[in-house]
N, C-alpha and C. Protein backbone atom coordinates (compact mmCIF):
# COMPACT_ATOMS: atom_id res chain seq x y z
N MET A 1 48.57 31.86 11.20
CA MET A 1 48.18 31.70 12.55
C MET A 1 46.61 31.65 13.10
N LEU A 2 45.77 32.70 12.19
CA LEU A 2 44.59 32.51 12.55
C LEU A 2 44.19 31.25 12.19
N ALA A 3 44.44 30.28 11.24
CA ALA A 3 43.89 29.21 11.03
C ALA A 3 44.51 27.92 12.01
N THR A 4 45.81 28.23 12.46
CA THR A 4 45.94 27.82 13.57
C THR A 4 45.29 27.61 15.01
N ALA A 5 44.83 28.66 15.27
CA ALA A 5 43.85 29.18 16.17
C ALA A 5 42.57 28.52 15.97
N ARG A 6 41.97 28.53 15.05
CA ARG A 6 40.47 28.12 14.58
C ARG A 6 41.05 26.51 14.43
N GLN A 7 41.65 25.83 14.07
CA GLN A 7 42.30 24.32 14.30
C GLN A 7 41.95 24.23 15.86
N SER A 8 42.97 24.72 16.63
CA SER A 8 42.58 24.48 18.25
C SER A 8 41.10 24.79 18.77
N ALA A 9 40.24 25.49 18.13
CA ALA A 9 39.02 25.36 18.91
C ALA A 9 38.24 24.41 18.62
N ILE A 10 38.60 23.73 17.51
CA ILE A 10 38.00 22.28 16.59
C ILE A 10 37.94 21.45 17.93
N ARG A 11 36.75 20.75 18.52
CA ARG A 11 36.84 19.68 19.20
C ARG A 11 36.76 18.39 18.20
N TYR A 12 37.73 17.53 18.69
CA TYR A 12 37.91 16.50 17.77
C TYR A 12 37.25 14.93 18.84
N ARG A 13 36.70 13.92 18.41
CA ARG A 13 36.23 12.97 19.15
C ARG A 13 37.60 12.13 19.52
N ASP A 14 37.47 11.33 20.54
CA ASP A 14 38.91 10.35 20.93
C ASP A 14 38.69 9.33 19.90
N ARG A 15 37.45 8.72 19.50
CA ARG A 15 37.96 7.90 18.35
C ARG A 15 37.01 8.04 17.56
N ALA A 16 37.32 7.54 15.74
CA ALA A 16 36.58 7.54 14.52
C ALA A 16 37.04 6.56 13.82
N ARG A 17 35.92 5.89 13.30
CA ARG A 17 36.21 5.06 12.08
C ARG A 17 36.08 5.86 10.85
N LEU A 18 37.50 5.50 10.38
CA LEU A 18 37.65 6.03 9.07
C LEU A 18 36.95 5.16 7.98
N PRO A 19 36.77 6.36 6.75
CA PRO A 19 35.82 5.82 5.88
C PRO A 19 36.94 4.85 4.55
N ILE A 20 37.29 3.93 5.57
CA ILE A 20 38.47 3.30 4.75
C ILE A 20 37.74 1.84 5.27
N ASP A 21 37.82 0.84 4.41
CA ASP A 21 38.22 -0.54 4.72
C ASP A 21 39.15 -1.51 3.87
N PHE A 22 39.42 -2.48 4.25
CA PHE A 22 40.27 -3.39 3.74
C PHE A 22 40.05 -5.01 3.91
N ASP A 23 40.56 -5.47 2.96
CA ASP A 23 39.67 -6.85 2.78
C ASP A 23 40.49 -7.63 4.01
N ALA A 24 39.73 -8.51 5.20
CA ALA A 24 40.42 -8.74 6.26
C ALA A 24 41.05 -10.01 5.48
N GLY A 25 40.35 -10.60 4.88
CA GLY A 25 41.36 -12.67 4.35
C GLY A 25 42.45 -11.62 3.79
N ARG A 26 42.50 -10.92 2.57
CA ARG A 26 43.81 -10.56 2.20
C ARG A 26 44.70 -10.52 3.26
N LEU A 27 44.31 -9.42 4.29
CA LEU A 27 45.67 -9.05 5.44
C LEU A 27 45.89 -10.12 5.96
N GLN A 28 44.70 -11.00 6.65
CA GLN A 28 45.49 -12.09 7.22
C GLN A 28 45.89 -13.33 6.82
N ALA A 29 45.95 -13.76 5.17
CA ALA A 29 46.89 -14.31 4.67
C ALA A 29 48.42 -13.92 4.37
N GLU A 30 48.42 -12.59 3.73
CA GLU A 30 49.42 -11.94 4.12
C GLU A 30 50.17 -11.99 5.20
N VAL A 31 49.85 -11.57 6.09
CA VAL A 31 50.46 -11.40 7.81
C VAL A 31 50.78 -12.97 7.85
N ALA A 32 49.97 -14.11 7.52
CA ALA A 32 50.39 -15.27 7.86
C ALA A 32 51.65 -15.82 7.28
N GLU A 33 51.58 -15.47 5.96
CA GLU A 33 52.79 -15.94 4.97
C GLU A 33 54.00 -15.37 5.39
N ALA A 34 54.16 -13.72 5.79
CA ALA A 34 54.78 -13.34 5.99
C ALA A 34 56.04 -13.14 7.27
N THR A 35 55.36 -13.10 8.07
CA THR A 35 55.76 -12.45 9.68
C THR A 35 56.88 -13.86 10.22
N GLY A 36 56.03 -15.45 10.60
CA GLY A 36 57.01 -16.15 11.27
C GLY A 36 57.48 -15.79 12.78
N SER A 37 58.42 -16.01 12.97
CA SER A 37 59.18 -15.95 13.87
C SER A 37 59.89 -14.25 14.38
N GLY A 38 59.72 -13.39 13.66
CA GLY A 38 60.34 -12.16 13.57
C GLY A 38 59.72 -11.25 14.19
N TRP A 39 58.62 -11.78 15.74
CA TRP A 39 58.32 -10.86 16.65
C TRP A 39 59.07 -10.25 17.64
N ILE A 40 59.20 -8.88 17.99
CA ILE A 40 60.07 -8.34 18.69
C ILE A 40 59.56 -8.10 20.19
N ASP A 41 59.61 -8.68 21.15
CA ASP A 41 59.24 -8.15 22.32
C ASP A 41 59.12 -6.63 22.62
N HIS A 42 57.84 -6.41 23.03
CA HIS A 42 57.57 -4.76 23.58
C HIS A 42 58.87 -4.65 24.80
N PHE A 43 59.20 -3.52 25.09
CA PHE A 43 60.50 -3.55 25.74
C PHE A 43 59.71 -2.66 27.04
N VAL A 44 58.21 -1.92 26.85
CA VAL A 44 57.70 -1.32 28.44
C VAL A 44 57.27 -2.23 28.62
N ARG A 45 57.57 -2.69 29.71
CA ARG A 45 56.94 -4.25 30.21
C ARG A 45 56.07 -3.85 31.59
N GLN A 46 56.23 -2.62 32.05
CA GLN A 46 55.14 -2.36 33.20
C GLN A 46 53.81 -2.29 32.53
N ASN A 47 53.71 -1.98 30.99
CA ASN A 47 52.25 -1.69 30.81
C ASN A 47 51.66 -2.81 30.26
N PHE A 48 51.95 -4.05 30.38
CA PHE A 48 51.37 -5.25 29.94
C PHE A 48 51.61 -6.64 30.69
N ASP A 49 51.19 -7.10 30.99
CA ASP A 49 51.34 -8.63 31.27
C ASP A 49 50.66 -9.56 30.58
N GLY A 50 51.61 -10.75 30.42
CA GLY A 50 51.38 -12.03 29.13
C GLY A 50 52.74 -11.79 28.08
N GLU A 51 52.02 -11.50 26.82
CA GLU A 51 53.03 -11.39 25.68
C GLU A 51 52.29 -10.10 24.82
N TRP A 52 53.06 -9.18 24.60
CA TRP A 52 52.86 -7.89 23.38
C TRP A 52 54.25 -7.93 23.00
N SER A 53 53.87 -8.03 21.57
CA SER A 53 55.21 -8.10 20.65
C SER A 53 54.79 -7.63 19.41
N VAL A 54 56.32 -7.01 18.23
CA VAL A 54 56.11 -5.80 17.31
C VAL A 54 56.90 -6.57 16.40
N ILE A 55 55.95 -6.71 14.90
CA ILE A 55 56.87 -6.55 13.87
C ILE A 55 57.13 -5.34 13.24
N PRO A 56 58.41 -4.43 12.89
CA PRO A 56 58.49 -3.09 12.38
C PRO A 56 58.23 -3.45 10.97
N LEU A 57 57.86 -2.65 10.00
CA LEU A 57 57.23 -2.79 8.62
C LEU A 57 57.97 -1.53 8.00
N ARG A 58 57.49 -0.15 8.74
CA ARG A 58 58.20 1.20 8.13
C ARG A 58 58.96 1.40 9.18
N ILE A 59 60.20 2.12 9.25
CA ILE A 59 60.74 2.62 10.34
C ILE A 59 61.61 4.38 10.37
N GLY A 60 62.80 4.92 10.79
CA GLY A 60 63.12 5.91 11.03
C GLY A 60 64.26 5.32 10.17
N ALA A 61 64.20 6.08 8.97
CA ALA A 61 65.56 5.70 7.79
C ALA A 61 66.87 5.43 8.55
N GLY A 62 67.92 4.43 8.31
CA GLY A 62 69.05 3.90 8.80
C GLY A 62 69.03 3.48 10.09
N ASN A 63 67.54 2.90 10.63
CA ASN A 63 67.69 2.08 11.73
C ASN A 63 67.30 0.65 11.70
N TRP A 64 67.50 0.37 10.41
CA TRP A 64 66.90 -1.72 10.54
C TRP A 64 68.28 -2.37 11.08
N THR A 65 69.74 -1.64 10.89
CA THR A 65 70.72 -2.55 11.84
C THR A 65 70.92 -1.93 12.81
N LYS A 66 70.11 -1.15 13.67
CA LYS A 66 70.23 -0.81 14.78
C LYS A 66 69.81 -1.38 16.05
N HIS A 67 69.61 -1.05 17.08
CA HIS A 67 68.78 -1.82 18.53
C HIS A 67 67.54 -1.31 17.96
N PRO A 68 66.83 -3.05 18.60
CA PRO A 68 65.20 -3.39 17.75
C PRO A 68 64.44 -2.10 18.49
N VAL A 69 64.80 -1.53 19.91
CA VAL A 69 64.04 -0.41 20.17
C VAL A 69 63.73 0.64 19.29
N LEU A 70 64.82 1.19 18.62
CA LEU A 70 64.95 2.03 17.61
C LEU A 70 64.12 1.56 16.51
N GLN A 71 64.20 0.37 16.24
CA GLN A 71 62.90 -0.25 14.99
C GLN A 71 61.83 -0.44 15.36
N ILE A 72 61.26 -0.54 16.68
CA ILE A 72 59.74 -0.40 17.03
C ILE A 72 59.44 1.39 17.18
N PHE A 73 60.60 2.16 17.94
CA PHE A 73 59.74 3.41 18.24
C PHE A 73 61.01 4.10 17.24
N PRO A 74 60.73 5.05 16.61
CA PRO A 74 61.75 6.45 16.18
C PRO A 74 62.37 7.22 17.13
N ALA A 75 63.53 7.14 17.06
CA ALA A 75 64.40 8.47 18.08
C ALA A 75 63.71 9.46 17.91
N PRO A 76 63.91 10.59 18.79
CA PRO A 76 63.17 11.70 18.84
C PRO A 76 63.69 12.25 17.53
N GLY A 77 63.31 13.58 17.03
CA GLY A 77 63.91 14.27 15.62
C GLY A 77 64.14 13.66 14.17
N VAL A 78 63.54 12.29 14.26
CA VAL A 78 63.48 11.57 12.90
C VAL A 78 62.81 12.08 12.01
N ARG A 79 63.31 12.56 10.52
CA ARG A 79 62.45 13.26 10.06
C ARG A 79 62.10 12.25 8.40
N GLU A 80 63.14 11.11 8.55
CA GLU A 80 62.92 10.42 7.23
C GLU A 80 62.57 9.08 8.05
N TYR A 81 61.80 8.43 7.07
CA TYR A 81 61.29 7.24 7.11
C TYR A 81 61.19 6.24 5.85
N GLU A 82 61.43 4.76 5.94
CA GLU A 82 62.12 3.97 5.06
C GLU A 82 61.21 2.62 5.38
N ASP A 83 60.68 2.29 4.03
CA ASP A 83 60.30 0.53 4.43
C ASP A 83 60.87 -0.44 4.49
N GLY A 84 61.05 -1.51 5.41
CA GLY A 84 61.66 -2.53 5.63
C GLY A 84 61.43 -3.25 4.74
N PRO A 85 62.40 -4.66 4.78
CA PRO A 85 62.61 -5.80 3.57
C PRO A 85 61.24 -6.50 3.63
N LEU A 86 60.22 -6.61 5.19
CA LEU A 86 59.50 -7.39 5.10
C LEU A 86 58.20 -6.47 4.16
N LEU A 87 58.28 -5.48 4.11
CA LEU A 87 56.76 -4.82 4.02
C LEU A 87 57.02 -5.09 2.07
N ALA A 88 58.16 -5.31 1.80
CA ALA A 88 58.35 -5.46 0.20
C ALA A 88 57.75 -6.67 -0.44
N ARG A 89 57.24 -8.07 0.72
CA ARG A 89 57.13 -9.07 0.53
C ARG A 89 55.68 -9.20 0.95
N MET A 90 54.97 -7.89 0.84
CA MET A 90 53.31 -7.77 1.77
C MET A 90 52.80 -6.80 0.58
N PRO A 91 52.67 -7.01 -0.57
CA PRO A 91 51.89 -6.24 -1.49
C PRO A 91 50.45 -5.60 -0.92
N TYR A 92 49.54 -6.33 -0.89
CA TYR A 92 48.39 -6.13 -0.14
C TYR A 92 48.25 -4.77 0.89
N LEU A 93 49.45 -5.09 2.09
CA LEU A 93 49.79 -4.29 2.77
C LEU A 93 50.43 -3.02 2.60
N ARG A 94 51.08 -3.25 1.49
CA ARG A 94 51.50 -1.88 0.90
C ARG A 94 50.52 -0.79 0.76
N GLU A 95 49.50 -1.64 -0.38
CA GLU A 95 48.67 -1.42 -0.86
C GLU A 95 47.61 -0.15 -0.20
N ALA A 96 47.35 -1.34 0.82
CA ALA A 96 46.30 -0.63 2.03
C ALA A 96 47.05 0.68 2.61
N ILE A 97 48.42 0.25 3.00
CA ILE A 97 48.88 1.88 3.73
C ILE A 97 49.14 2.93 2.68
N ALA A 98 48.90 2.69 1.53
CA ALA A 98 49.40 3.83 0.58
C ALA A 98 47.58 4.04 0.42
N ALA A 99 46.68 3.81 0.38
CA ALA A 99 45.22 4.09 0.48
C ALA A 99 44.84 5.34 1.94
N ILE A 100 45.83 5.12 2.51
CA ILE A 100 45.57 6.18 3.85
C ILE A 100 46.25 7.61 3.43
N PRO A 101 45.10 8.63 3.19
CA PRO A 101 45.64 9.89 2.39
C PRO A 101 46.27 10.70 3.85
N CYS A 102 47.29 10.35 4.24
CA CYS A 102 48.49 11.05 5.42
C CYS A 102 49.54 10.77 5.04
N ASP A 103 50.25 11.71 5.78
CA ASP A 103 51.47 11.61 5.68
C ASP A 103 52.45 10.40 6.55
N ILE A 104 52.73 9.34 5.97
CA ILE A 104 52.50 8.24 6.97
C ILE A 104 54.35 8.28 7.59
N GLN A 105 54.32 7.67 8.78
CA GLN A 105 55.54 7.83 9.46
C GLN A 105 56.13 6.50 9.72
N THR A 106 55.59 5.43 11.08
CA THR A 106 56.09 4.39 11.30
C THR A 106 54.74 3.37 10.97
N VAL A 107 55.10 2.04 10.53
CA VAL A 107 54.00 0.86 10.38
C VAL A 107 54.77 -0.12 11.23
N ARG A 108 53.87 -0.73 11.85
CA ARG A 108 54.12 -2.03 12.43
C ARG A 108 52.98 -3.00 12.81
N LEU A 109 53.25 -4.47 13.03
CA LEU A 109 52.24 -5.15 13.43
C LEU A 109 52.64 -5.18 14.66
N MET A 110 51.48 -5.22 15.64
CA MET A 110 51.43 -5.41 16.83
C MET A 110 50.48 -6.94 17.03
N LYS A 111 51.28 -7.91 18.33
CA LYS A 111 50.33 -8.85 18.61
C LYS A 111 50.26 -8.81 20.20
N LEU A 112 48.72 -9.23 20.46
CA LEU A 112 48.88 -9.12 21.51
C LEU A 112 48.14 -10.72 21.60
N ALA A 113 49.58 -11.37 22.53
CA ALA A 113 49.15 -12.74 22.77
C ALA A 113 47.80 -12.86 23.18
N ALA A 114 47.38 -14.40 23.18
CA ALA A 114 45.86 -14.93 24.08
C ALA A 114 46.24 -14.92 25.54
N GLY A 115 45.14 -14.50 26.32
CA GLY A 115 44.89 -14.19 27.33
C GLY A 115 45.92 -13.30 27.94
N SER A 116 46.75 -12.41 27.32
CA SER A 116 47.63 -11.46 27.83
C SER A 116 46.48 -9.87 27.96
N ILE A 117 47.06 -9.10 28.94
CA ILE A 117 46.32 -7.48 28.73
C ILE A 117 47.39 -6.36 28.96
N ILE A 118 47.30 -5.45 27.82
CA ILE A 118 47.45 -4.16 28.26
C ILE A 118 47.02 -3.51 29.38
N LYS A 119 47.94 -2.60 30.38
CA LYS A 119 47.45 -2.14 31.07
C LYS A 119 46.76 -0.58 31.04
N PRO A 120 46.35 -0.02 31.52
CA PRO A 120 45.55 2.00 31.39
C PRO A 120 46.83 2.38 31.07
N HIS A 121 47.00 3.01 30.14
CA HIS A 121 48.75 3.88 30.02
C HIS A 121 47.83 4.87 28.99
N THR A 122 48.88 5.92 28.88
CA THR A 122 48.38 7.13 27.73
C THR A 122 50.19 7.10 27.14
N ASP A 123 49.68 7.51 25.85
CA ASP A 123 50.52 7.40 24.86
C ASP A 123 51.19 9.46 24.67
N ASP A 124 52.03 9.86 25.23
CA ASP A 124 51.97 11.23 25.10
C ASP A 124 52.13 11.81 23.41
N ASP A 125 51.22 12.75 23.40
CA ASP A 125 51.00 13.04 22.01
C ASP A 125 50.77 12.89 20.79
N LEU A 126 50.48 11.57 21.01
CA LEU A 126 49.47 10.79 19.64
C LEU A 126 47.88 11.39 20.21
N GLY A 127 47.44 12.48 19.12
CA GLY A 127 46.51 12.87 19.10
C GLY A 127 46.16 13.71 18.01
N ILE A 128 45.15 14.10 17.34
CA ILE A 128 45.30 14.88 16.11
C ILE A 128 45.76 16.54 16.97
N GLU A 129 45.14 16.74 18.07
CA GLU A 129 45.34 17.68 18.62
C GLU A 129 47.01 18.25 18.79
N HIS A 130 48.05 17.24 19.29
CA HIS A 130 49.13 16.94 18.94
C HIS A 130 49.81 17.42 17.36
N GLY A 131 48.99 17.53 16.70
CA GLY A 131 49.48 16.67 15.31
C GLY A 131 49.66 15.65 14.72
N PHE A 132 49.93 14.61 15.32
CA PHE A 132 50.17 13.55 15.24
C PHE A 132 49.06 12.32 15.25
N ALA A 133 49.16 11.33 14.88
CA ALA A 133 47.71 10.61 15.10
C ALA A 133 48.26 9.03 14.93
N ARG A 134 47.99 7.87 15.51
CA ARG A 134 47.78 6.39 15.38
C ARG A 134 46.67 5.94 15.06
N LEU A 135 46.78 5.22 14.05
CA LEU A 135 45.19 4.42 13.37
C LEU A 135 45.86 3.15 13.32
N HIS A 136 44.59 2.18 13.81
CA HIS A 136 44.89 0.90 14.13
C HIS A 136 43.79 0.06 13.00
N VAL A 137 44.30 -0.73 12.51
CA VAL A 137 43.69 -1.68 11.51
C VAL A 137 43.51 -3.29 11.72
N PRO A 138 42.67 -3.66 12.59
CA PRO A 138 42.67 -5.03 13.16
C PRO A 138 42.91 -6.05 11.93
N VAL A 139 43.81 -6.95 12.30
CA VAL A 139 43.88 -7.83 11.41
C VAL A 139 43.79 -9.03 11.52
N ILE A 140 43.91 -9.95 13.08
CA ILE A 140 43.25 -10.62 13.77
C ILE A 140 42.50 -10.81 14.90
N THR A 141 41.05 -10.09 15.24
CA THR A 141 40.61 -9.92 16.28
C THR A 141 39.34 -10.86 16.36
N ASN A 142 38.67 -10.59 17.58
CA ASN A 142 37.31 -11.36 17.77
C ASN A 142 36.68 -10.67 19.21
N ASP A 143 35.43 -11.27 19.42
CA ASP A 143 34.31 -10.47 20.40
C ASP A 143 35.63 -10.52 21.53
N GLU A 144 35.72 -11.44 21.57
CA GLU A 144 37.05 -11.49 23.50
C GLU A 144 37.74 -10.59 23.54
N VAL A 145 38.23 -9.60 22.91
CA VAL A 145 39.36 -8.79 22.62
C VAL A 145 38.40 -7.39 23.04
N ASP A 146 39.22 -6.65 24.28
CA ASP A 146 38.28 -5.51 24.48
C ASP A 146 39.47 -4.31 24.71
N PHE A 147 39.06 -3.74 23.89
CA PHE A 147 39.63 -2.51 23.81
C PHE A 147 38.78 -1.72 24.40
N ARG A 148 39.32 -0.62 25.53
CA ARG A 148 39.16 0.15 25.90
C ARG A 148 39.53 1.77 25.95
N LEU A 149 39.09 2.70 25.70
CA LEU A 149 39.31 3.90 25.16
C LEU A 149 38.35 5.13 26.37
N ASN A 150 39.50 5.62 27.37
CA ASN A 150 38.66 6.50 28.41
C ASN A 150 37.64 5.75 28.76
N GLY A 151 37.79 4.33 29.23
CA GLY A 151 36.91 3.87 29.92
C GLY A 151 35.77 3.15 29.31
N GLU A 152 35.63 3.40 27.75
CA GLU A 152 34.50 2.69 27.64
C GLU A 152 34.97 1.97 26.09
N ARG A 153 34.20 0.67 25.59
CA ARG A 153 34.60 0.00 24.58
C ARG A 153 34.84 0.49 23.27
N VAL A 154 35.95 -0.19 22.67
CA VAL A 154 35.97 0.28 21.47
C VAL A 154 35.80 -1.26 20.52
N VAL A 155 34.86 -1.11 19.74
CA VAL A 155 34.66 -2.35 18.91
C VAL A 155 34.96 -2.15 17.69
N MET A 156 35.98 -3.08 17.14
CA MET A 156 37.27 -2.82 15.81
C MET A 156 36.91 -4.41 15.27
N ASP A 157 36.22 -3.79 13.78
CA ASP A 157 36.24 -5.42 13.00
C ASP A 157 37.66 -5.74 12.47
N ALA A 158 38.00 -6.52 12.01
CA ALA A 158 38.98 -6.86 11.17
C ALA A 158 38.74 -6.28 9.78
N GLY A 159 39.96 -5.40 9.57
CA GLY A 159 39.71 -5.01 8.41
C GLY A 159 39.30 -3.27 8.32
N SER A 160 38.68 -2.88 9.30
CA SER A 160 38.15 -1.42 9.50
C SER A 160 39.56 -0.57 10.23
N VAL A 161 39.20 0.21 9.47
CA VAL A 161 40.51 1.57 10.10
C VAL A 161 40.21 2.33 11.25
N TRP A 162 40.93 2.62 11.98
CA TRP A 162 40.55 3.71 13.17
C TRP A 162 41.40 4.70 13.68
N TYR A 163 40.85 5.85 13.64
CA TYR A 163 41.64 6.95 14.57
C TYR A 163 41.51 6.52 16.05
N LEU A 164 42.36 7.10 16.92
CA LEU A 164 42.12 6.50 18.39
C LEU A 164 42.99 7.74 19.02
N ARG A 165 42.57 8.36 19.93
CA ARG A 165 43.30 9.58 20.36
C ARG A 165 44.09 8.64 21.86
N LEU A 166 44.98 8.23 21.56
CA LEU A 166 46.05 7.51 22.34
C LEU A 166 46.47 8.54 23.88
N SER A 167 46.50 9.82 23.26
CA SER A 167 47.37 10.30 24.35
C SER A 167 46.34 10.27 25.77
N ASP A 168 45.40 9.69 25.57
CA ASP A 168 43.76 9.26 26.45
C ASP A 168 44.25 8.33 27.20
N THR A 169 43.75 7.55 27.88
CA THR A 169 44.08 6.64 28.80
C THR A 169 43.32 5.06 27.91
N HIS A 170 43.99 4.45 27.75
CA HIS A 170 43.33 3.15 26.96
C HIS A 170 44.19 1.68 27.69
N SER A 171 43.46 0.89 27.59
CA SER A 171 43.83 -0.51 27.86
C SER A 171 43.42 -1.71 26.67
N VAL A 172 43.77 -2.83 26.96
CA VAL A 172 43.35 -3.75 25.77
C VAL A 172 43.57 -5.17 26.70
N ALA A 173 42.53 -6.28 26.64
CA ALA A 173 42.32 -7.61 27.27
C ALA A 173 42.18 -8.11 26.35
N ASN A 174 43.16 -9.05 25.76
CA ASN A 174 42.46 -10.52 25.04
C ASN A 174 42.12 -11.51 25.64
N ARG A 175 40.87 -11.77 26.01
CA ARG A 175 40.29 -13.02 26.71
C ARG A 175 40.11 -13.73 25.93
N SER A 176 40.54 -14.10 24.97
CA SER A 176 40.26 -15.01 23.63
C SER A 176 41.55 -16.37 24.09
N ALA A 177 41.51 -17.29 23.26
CA ALA A 177 42.23 -18.39 23.05
C ALA A 177 43.09 -18.07 21.62
N THR A 178 42.92 -16.88 20.67
CA THR A 178 44.04 -16.57 19.88
C THR A 178 44.68 -15.23 20.18
N ASP A 179 45.54 -15.21 19.51
CA ASP A 179 46.41 -14.11 19.19
C ASP A 179 45.28 -12.74 18.93
N ARG A 180 45.56 -11.56 19.03
CA ARG A 180 45.36 -10.58 18.44
C ARG A 180 46.19 -10.03 17.91
N ILE A 181 46.25 -9.24 16.36
CA ILE A 181 47.00 -8.64 15.31
C ILE A 181 46.53 -7.40 15.14
N HIS A 182 47.55 -6.27 14.90
CA HIS A 182 46.91 -4.93 14.47
C HIS A 182 47.81 -4.80 13.51
N LEU A 183 47.59 -3.81 12.32
CA LEU A 183 48.37 -2.94 11.81
C LEU A 183 48.03 -1.47 12.34
N VAL A 184 49.74 -1.02 12.56
CA VAL A 184 49.54 0.00 13.48
C VAL A 184 50.44 1.15 12.87
N ILE A 185 49.61 2.11 12.30
CA ILE A 185 50.33 3.29 11.06
C ILE A 185 50.23 4.40 11.94
N ASP A 186 51.46 5.39 12.49
CA ASP A 186 51.52 6.33 12.54
C ASP A 186 51.52 7.52 11.94
N CYS A 187 50.97 8.84 12.02
CA CYS A 187 50.88 9.07 10.53
C CYS A 187 50.72 11.09 11.03
N VAL A 188 51.19 11.64 10.01
CA VAL A 188 51.11 13.15 10.48
C VAL A 188 49.40 13.67 10.51
N ALA A 189 48.84 14.16 11.54
CA ALA A 189 47.50 14.65 11.30
C ALA A 189 47.41 16.11 10.41
N ASN A 190 46.17 15.65 9.19
CA ASN A 190 46.06 16.35 8.26
C ASN A 190 44.34 16.75 8.22
N ASP A 191 44.10 17.86 7.23
CA ASP A 191 42.68 18.02 6.98
C ASP A 191 41.68 16.96 6.61
N TRP A 192 42.29 15.79 6.28
CA TRP A 192 41.17 14.54 6.05
C TRP A 192 41.03 13.98 7.16
N LEU A 193 41.99 13.69 7.99
CA LEU A 193 41.85 13.21 9.68
C LEU A 193 40.99 14.10 10.27
N ARG A 194 41.47 15.29 10.46
CA ARG A 194 41.39 16.03 10.84
C ARG A 194 39.29 16.09 11.02
N SER A 195 38.89 16.17 9.63
CA SER A 195 37.28 16.10 9.24
C SER A 195 37.01 14.61 9.29
N ALA A 196 37.47 14.24 9.42
CA ALA A 196 36.99 12.63 9.51
C ALA A 196 36.27 12.45 11.32
N ALA A 197 37.41 13.38 12.09
CA ALA A 197 37.09 12.83 13.52
C ALA A 197 36.75 14.31 14.30
N ALA A 198 36.21 15.18 13.82
CA ALA A 198 35.55 16.13 14.20
C ALA A 198 34.58 15.93 14.49
N ALA A 199 34.31 16.63 16.27
CA ALA A 199 33.08 16.33 16.84
C ALA A 199 31.72 16.76 16.27
């Protein structure tokens, strides 16, 4: 109980570049070779204008044959997760995911098409303070992608790894002529992540 009280007294930054980097060229080559037309349209239409889509790579166990919504986001109460068949064809992505020292839950690729925007919104409970975190690894990005968290721009280079407190207000505008693709990893917050994000 004392440790929990101590943890809740610690302040965490709303963003932190984590001390891991991946080879952007290898990520891009593997994603280009493996993905093709398997993108699923994001279902929360009120949160974006344009095209925003997802390819699930790791999801709640037993959900691969279920509705696409359950492939994008697990139902409440899911405790077990499993890699999908596409991830089996992506050895460098598997290596990258394994290099993150957290308990990994879901993994997906998320594409924001050229000229599309994600409107300001929040994702409940996605912050270290809630025990869970969403990590972003830009795969394909450029200077015309404007990611905002709490009104401030976050510039993320391809291959870098970021913790973002997405229970805070965030938005994205892809003002470029190319699609933006991120590897998005949901995990359980642990001491390593808390230390990296401590204010």
